[in-house]
Amino acid sequence: MGQKDIAEKRLESYNDVFADIVNTLLFSGEKLIAEDQLEDGPTGSSYSEAEKLYLQDRDITKIWRSCGIRLALLGIENQTTQDPNMVIRAMCYDAASYHAQVRSPSPGKEKYPVVTLVLYFGTAPWQKARKLSEAIPIEDRLKPYVNDYQMNLFEVAFLSDEQISCFHSDFRAVAEYFRSVQKGTAFSAHKLKHVSEVLRLLAELTKDKRYLDILANEFLKQEGGITMCELLDRYIKQGEEKGLLQGREEGLRAGIAGAIAMLRRAGCSDSKIAEELILTFHLSRDEAQAYIKAG
């Protein structure tokens, strides 16, 4: 499993994020699913082909339960590239979940629906198949008899402003990042709860490891949370201050090196040079001697 897959799953596996994604994308922001109604579901299943057994592993599934009744199995699959077979893969995941219900029935246990959401993180519009009839050729006379499975595909980079405004979890920062790539818009004032997971996901999706540098900063621990705007502003400011400090240090080193060279050309001894460095640059004796030895 790649780092990108791990980063996606870590953020989305939190119940508050998972519920928020489903509520926003399936129910237009209505808080139909509460985070305390979700529990981790099975992600692995198997199938046989040519007398061989194969395993297939889903990204994330959650069981939606209310009042002790299992209402549905909800799954999220992540895509950063366009897979022409994704619709078939999603269909197989759903079929495996239904097959598990039929294969191991429990007395008095009701069956439940399976719903899969495919989140596409690419920055180019999805051009591959969205339903089965677009993925495989079907003879016209057969079409009335083929169940045309259609996957629930959501292009994160192309969600509407209205959809993004419905997010209340940290997934909003991810959606806003992709919107900013498309439209140049700013982040909202949403306070991040899972800061580390958001930064790691952005680092993997964008291949910009500077997001990981932010994780070492103390300001992430501030009470009350921090917004993406505050986080990036502070990181930039810290970088600017570090750059200025490095500039001062480089200027100091250059000045000391020039002074040493000038004093040596004048025939000064090392002890005399040390005295001049201590007086001019406010160095300790050990620092002065170290510069002289290095120069």
Protein backbone atom coordinates (compact mmCIF):
# COMPACT_ATOMS: atom_id res chain seq x y z
CA MET A 1 0.00 0.00 0.00
CA GLY A 2 1.45 3.38 -1.01
CA GLN A 3 1.82 6.42 1.23
CA LYS A 4 -0.91 8.22 -0.72
CA ASP A 5 -3.41 5.42 -0.07
CA ILE A 6 -2.52 5.38 3.62
CA ALA A 7 -2.87 9.18 3.91
CA GLU A 8 -6.30 9.12 2.23
CA LYS A 9 -7.57 6.34 4.45
CA ARG A 10 -6.24 7.87 7.68
CA LEU A 11 -8.24 11.05 7.25
CA GLU A 12 -11.40 9.49 5.84
CA SER A 13 -11.49 6.71 8.45
CA TYR A 14 -12.42 9.19 11.19
CA ASN A 15 -16.17 8.91 11.73
CA ASP A 16 -16.71 12.68 11.68
CA VAL A 17 -14.98 12.96 8.30
CA PHE A 18 -16.62 9.87 6.81
CA ALA A 19 -20.11 10.95 7.89
CA ASP A 20 -19.49 14.46 6.57
CA ILE A 21 -18.40 13.18 3.15
CA VAL A 22 -21.48 10.95 2.80
CA ASN A 23 -23.91 13.56 4.14
CA THR A 24 -22.55 16.24 1.80
CA LEU A 25 -22.22 14.21 -1.38
CA LEU A 26 -25.29 11.98 -1.06
CA PHE A 27 -27.69 14.10 1.00
CA SER A 28 -26.79 17.68 0.00
CA GLY A 29 -25.39 18.52 3.42
CA GLU A 30 -28.29 17.18 5.50
CA LYS A 31 -26.85 15.60 8.65
CA LEU A 32 -28.64 12.34 8.11
CA ILE A 33 -25.75 10.19 9.39
CA ALA A 34 -24.23 10.95 12.80
CA GLU A 35 -20.65 9.96 13.49
CA ASP A 36 -21.67 7.87 16.50
CA GLN A 37 -23.88 5.76 14.19
CA LEU A 38 -20.84 4.50 12.26
CA GLU A 39 -18.59 1.55 12.98
CA ASP A 40 -15.74 0.09 10.95
CA GLY A 41 -16.87 -2.43 8.36
CA PRO A 42 -15.07 -5.24 6.52
CA THR A 43 -12.71 -4.20 3.73
CA GLY A 44 -11.50 -7.57 2.47
CA SER A 45 -13.29 -10.11 0.29
CA SER A 46 -12.28 -12.93 -2.02
CA TYR A 47 -13.26 -14.40 -5.37
CA SER A 48 -12.18 -17.40 -7.39
CA GLU A 49 -11.07 -17.52 -11.00
CA ALA A 50 -9.61 -20.45 -12.93
CA GLU A 51 -9.44 -22.51 -9.73
CA LYS A 52 -7.41 -19.79 -8.00
CA LEU A 53 -8.50 -17.68 -5.05
CA TYR A 54 -7.95 -13.93 -5.18
CA LEU A 55 -8.33 -11.24 -2.55
CA GLN A 56 -9.79 -7.80 -3.16
CA ASP A 57 -9.45 -5.04 -0.61
CA ARG A 58 -11.65 -1.96 -0.34
CA ASP A 59 -10.34 1.38 0.88
CA ILE A 60 -12.82 2.11 3.69
CA THR A 61 -16.20 0.76 4.71
CA LYS A 62 -18.45 1.81 7.57
CA ILE A 63 -21.58 0.14 8.89
CA TRP A 64 -24.37 2.66 9.41
CA ARG A 65 -26.44 1.57 12.36
CA SER A 66 -29.34 3.32 14.11
CA CYS A 67 -31.35 2.05 17.07
CA GLY A 68 -29.56 -1.27 16.78
CA ILE A 69 -30.63 -1.72 13.15
CA ARG A 70 -28.00 -2.01 10.43
CA LEU A 71 -29.19 0.43 7.77
CA ALA A 72 -26.41 0.16 5.18
CA LEU A 73 -22.80 -0.63 4.41
CA LEU A 74 -21.13 2.53 3.10
CA GLY A 75 -17.82 2.46 1.25
CA ILE A 76 -15.35 5.05 -0.02
CA GLU A 77 -12.87 4.34 -2.81
CA ASN A 78 -10.16 6.85 -3.70
CA GLN A 79 -8.79 7.51 -7.17
CA THR A 80 -6.06 9.94 -8.22
CA THR A 81 -5.84 8.55 -11.76
CA GLN A 82 -8.55 7.69 -14.26
CA ASP A 83 -9.15 3.96 -14.28
CA PRO A 84 -11.31 2.70 -17.17
CA ASN A 85 -12.23 -0.34 -15.06
CA MET A 86 -13.20 1.57 -11.92
CA VAL A 87 -16.92 1.11 -12.55
CA ILE A 88 -16.40 -2.66 -12.78
CA ARG A 89 -14.26 -2.68 -9.63
CA ALA A 90 -16.92 -0.75 -7.71
CA MET A 91 -19.58 -3.16 -8.93
CA CYS A 92 -17.48 -6.11 -7.77
CA TYR A 93 -16.98 -4.56 -4.32
CA ASP A 94 -20.72 -4.08 -3.93
CA ALA A 95 -21.48 -7.57 -5.22
CA ALA A 96 -18.99 -9.12 -2.79
CA SER A 97 -20.67 -7.32 0.11
CA TYR A 98 -24.09 -8.60 -0.96
CA HIS A 99 -22.67 -12.09 -1.46
CA ALA A 100 -21.32 -12.03 2.11
CA GLN A 101 -24.84 -11.31 3.39
CA VAL A 102 -26.29 -14.25 1.46
CA ARG A 103 -23.43 -16.65 2.23
CA SER A 104 -23.53 -16.20 6.00
CA PRO A 105 -27.13 -15.39 6.93
CA SER A 106 -27.91 -15.04 10.62
CA PRO A 107 -31.35 -15.91 12.03
CA GLY A 108 -33.52 -12.82 12.18
CA LYS A 109 -30.81 -10.67 10.60
CA GLU A 110 -32.12 -8.34 7.92
CA LYS A 111 -30.16 -7.72 4.78
CA TYR A 112 -29.04 -4.16 4.03
CA PRO A 113 -28.04 -2.05 1.01
CA VAL A 114 -24.47 -1.34 -0.03
CA VAL A 115 -23.46 2.09 -1.31
CA THR A 116 -20.01 2.96 -2.67
CA LEU A 117 -18.70 6.48 -3.23
CA VAL A 118 -15.69 6.95 -5.53
CA LEU A 119 -13.69 10.10 -4.75
CA TYR A 120 -11.58 11.23 -7.70
CA PHE A 121 -8.73 13.59 -6.78
CA GLY A 122 -7.43 14.30 -10.27
CA THR A 123 -7.28 17.86 -11.61
CA ALA A 124 -8.53 16.93 -15.09
CA PRO A 125 -12.21 16.03 -15.57
CA TRP A 126 -13.03 12.31 -15.41
CA GLN A 127 -13.26 10.95 -18.96
CA LYS A 128 -13.55 7.22 -18.32
CA ALA A 129 -16.64 5.03 -17.87
CA ARG A 130 -19.14 5.94 -15.17
CA LYS A 131 -21.54 3.06 -15.86
CA LEU A 132 -21.15 -0.50 -17.05
CA SER A 133 -22.43 0.10 -20.59
CA GLU A 134 -19.63 2.64 -21.09
CA ALA A 135 -16.96 0.20 -19.89
CA ILE A 136 -17.87 -2.85 -22.02
CA PRO A 137 -19.48 -3.30 -25.44
CA ILE A 138 -23.06 -4.53 -25.20
CA GLU A 139 -24.98 -5.74 -28.23
CA ASP A 140 -28.03 -3.52 -28.72
CA ARG A 141 -30.53 -6.36 -28.40
CA LEU A 142 -28.98 -7.36 -25.06
CA LYS A 143 -29.09 -3.89 -23.52
CA PRO A 144 -32.65 -4.20 -22.12
CA TYR A 145 -31.51 -7.24 -20.13
CA VAL A 146 -28.17 -5.98 -18.80
CA ASN A 147 -28.29 -4.25 -15.43
CA ASP A 148 -26.38 -1.07 -16.19
CA TYR A 149 -24.48 -0.54 -12.93
CA GLN A 150 -23.56 3.13 -12.39
CA MET A 151 -20.94 4.17 -9.87
CA ASN A 152 -21.28 7.18 -7.60
CA LEU A 153 -18.29 9.18 -8.81
CA PHE A 154 -17.45 12.56 -7.28
CA GLU A 155 -14.75 14.78 -8.78
CA VAL A 156 -13.32 16.60 -5.75
CA ALA A 157 -11.59 19.27 -7.83
CA PHE A 158 -14.88 20.13 -9.55
CA LEU A 159 -17.30 20.22 -6.64
CA SER A 160 -19.47 23.33 -6.61
CA ASP A 161 -18.99 26.10 -4.06
CA GLU A 162 -22.37 25.12 -2.62
CA GLN A 163 -21.24 21.52 -2.14
CA ILE A 164 -17.97 22.55 -0.51
CA SER A 165 -19.78 24.90 1.86
CA CYS A 166 -21.74 21.87 3.15
CA PHE A 167 -18.61 20.17 4.47
CA HIS A 168 -18.12 20.66 8.21
CA SER A 169 -15.22 18.26 8.79
CA ASP A 170 -11.56 18.59 7.81
CA PHE A 171 -12.40 17.21 4.37
CA ARG A 172 -13.49 20.76 3.61
CA ALA A 173 -9.82 21.85 3.63
CA VAL A 174 -8.99 19.13 1.09
CA ALA A 175 -11.90 20.15 -1.16
CA GLU A 176 -10.95 23.82 -0.82
CA TYR A 177 -7.38 23.05 -1.81
CA PHE A 178 -8.51 21.47 -5.08
CA ARG A 179 -10.93 24.33 -5.69
CA SER A 180 -8.07 26.78 -5.17
CA VAL A 181 -6.07 24.93 -7.83
CA GLN A 182 -8.97 25.30 -10.27
CA LYS A 183 -10.18 28.81 -9.40
CA GLY A 184 -7.50 30.45 -7.26
CA THR A 185 -9.92 30.89 -4.34
CA ALA A 186 -8.86 31.06 -0.69
CA PHE A 187 -9.43 28.69 2.20
CA SER A 188 -12.31 29.27 4.60
CA ALA A 189 -12.10 29.88 8.36
CA HIS A 190 -12.76 26.20 9.16
CA LYS A 191 -10.77 25.09 12.22
CA LEU A 192 -8.86 21.87 11.57
CA LYS A 193 -9.35 18.97 13.95
CA HIS A 194 -7.10 16.35 12.34
CA VAL A 195 -4.24 18.65 11.33
CA SER A 196 -1.58 15.98 10.89
CA GLU A 197 -3.79 13.83 8.67
CA VAL A 198 -4.82 16.78 6.47
CA LEU A 199 -1.20 17.87 5.96
CA ARG A 200 0.00 14.36 5.20
CA LEU A 201 -2.79 13.87 2.67
CA LEU A 202 -2.05 17.19 0.94
CA ALA A 203 1.66 16.30 0.87
CA GLU A 204 0.92 13.03 -0.90
CA LEU A 205 -1.72 14.38 -3.30
CA THR A 206 0.34 17.40 -4.33
CA LYS A 207 3.82 15.81 -4.05
CA ASP A 208 4.79 18.95 -2.10
CA LYS A 209 6.73 17.76 0.94
CA ARG A 210 6.71 21.25 2.46
CA TYR A 211 3.37 20.29 4.01
CA LEU A 212 5.29 17.73 6.06
CA ASP A 213 7.71 20.43 7.25
CA ILE A 214 4.78 22.20 8.90
CA LEU A 215 4.18 19.19 11.16
CA ALA A 216 7.30 20.00 13.19
CA ASN A 217 6.02 23.44 14.19
CA GLU A 218 4.79 24.18 17.69
CA PHE A 219 1.99 26.50 16.53
CA LEU A 220 0.00 23.42 15.45
CA LYS A 221 -0.68 22.78 19.13
CA GLN A 222 -2.52 26.03 19.76
CA GLU A 223 -5.80 25.76 21.63
CA GLY A 224 -9.02 26.15 19.69
CA GLY A 225 -7.61 24.70 16.49
CA ILE A 226 -6.06 26.40 13.50
CA THR A 227 -7.36 27.20 10.01
CA MET A 228 -5.53 26.37 6.80
CA CYS A 229 -5.05 30.09 6.14
CA GLU A 230 -3.50 30.63 9.58
CA LEU A 231 -1.38 27.54 9.18
CA LEU A 232 0.02 28.52 5.78
CA ASP A 233 0.47 32.18 6.78
CA ARG A 234 2.45 31.20 9.85
CA TYR A 235 4.53 28.73 7.90
CA ILE A 236 5.35 31.35 5.27
CA LYS A 237 6.19 33.92 7.94
CA GLN A 238 8.39 31.41 9.73
CA GLY A 239 10.14 30.65 6.45
CA GLU A 240 10.71 34.34 5.80
CA GLU A 241 12.15 34.82 9.29
CA LYS A 242 14.38 31.81 8.82
CA GLY A 243 15.53 33.18 5.48
CA LEU A 244 16.34 36.57 7.00
CA LEU A 245 18.26 34.88 9.80
CA GLN A 246 20.19 32.78 7.32
CA GLY A 247 20.91 35.94 5.33
CA ARG A 248 22.29 37.67 8.40
CA GLU A 249 24.42 34.66 9.26
CA GLU A 250 25.77 34.41 5.73
CA GLY A 251 26.55 38.14 5.75
CA LEU A 252 28.31 37.82 9.10
CA ARG A 253 30.39 34.89 7.89
CA ALA A 254 31.33 36.76 4.72
CA GLY A 255 32.31 39.85 6.73
CA ILE A 256 34.45 37.85 9.14
CA ALA A 257 36.14 35.96 6.28
CA GLY A 258 36.92 39.25 4.54
CA ALA A 259 38.34 40.75 7.76
CA ILE A 260 40.56 37.71 8.36
CA ALA A 261 41.90 37.85 4.79
CA MET A 262 42.58 41.58 5.07
CA LEU A 263 44.37 41.25 8.45
CA ARG A 264 46.49 38.39 7.17
CA ARG A 265 47.53 40.40 4.15
CA ALA A 266 48.55 43.10 6.62
CA GLY A 267 50.84 40.58 8.35
CA CYS A 268 48.83 40.30 11.60
CA SER A 269 49.35 37.26 13.79
CA ASP A 270 46.48 34.93 14.64
CA SER A 271 46.32 36.33 18.16
CA LYS A 272 46.03 39.88 16.79
CA ILE A 273 43.38 38.79 14.30
CA ALA A 274 41.42 37.16 17.12
CA GLU A 275 41.49 40.38 19.13
CA GLU A 276 40.18 42.35 16.14
CA LEU A 277 37.37 39.85 15.51
CA ILE A 278 36.31 39.91 19.15
CA LEU A 279 36.22 43.70 19.15
CA THR A 280 34.61 44.24 15.74
CA PHE A 281 32.11 41.38 15.52
CA HIS A 282 31.42 40.83 19.26
CA LEU A 283 32.58 37.21 19.12
CA SER A 284 33.78 35.06 21.98
CA ARG A 285 37.42 34.01 21.89
CA ASP A 286 36.48 30.45 20.99
CA GLU A 287 34.28 31.68 18.11
CA ALA A 288 37.06 33.93 16.83
CA GLN A 289 39.61 31.12 16.90
CA ALA A 290 37.18 28.79 15.13
CA TYR A 291 36.71 31.33 12.29
CA ILE A 292 40.49 31.83 12.02
CA LYS A 293 41.09 28.07 11.86
CA ALA A 294 38.36 27.61 9.24
CA GLY A 295 39.63 30.53 7.15
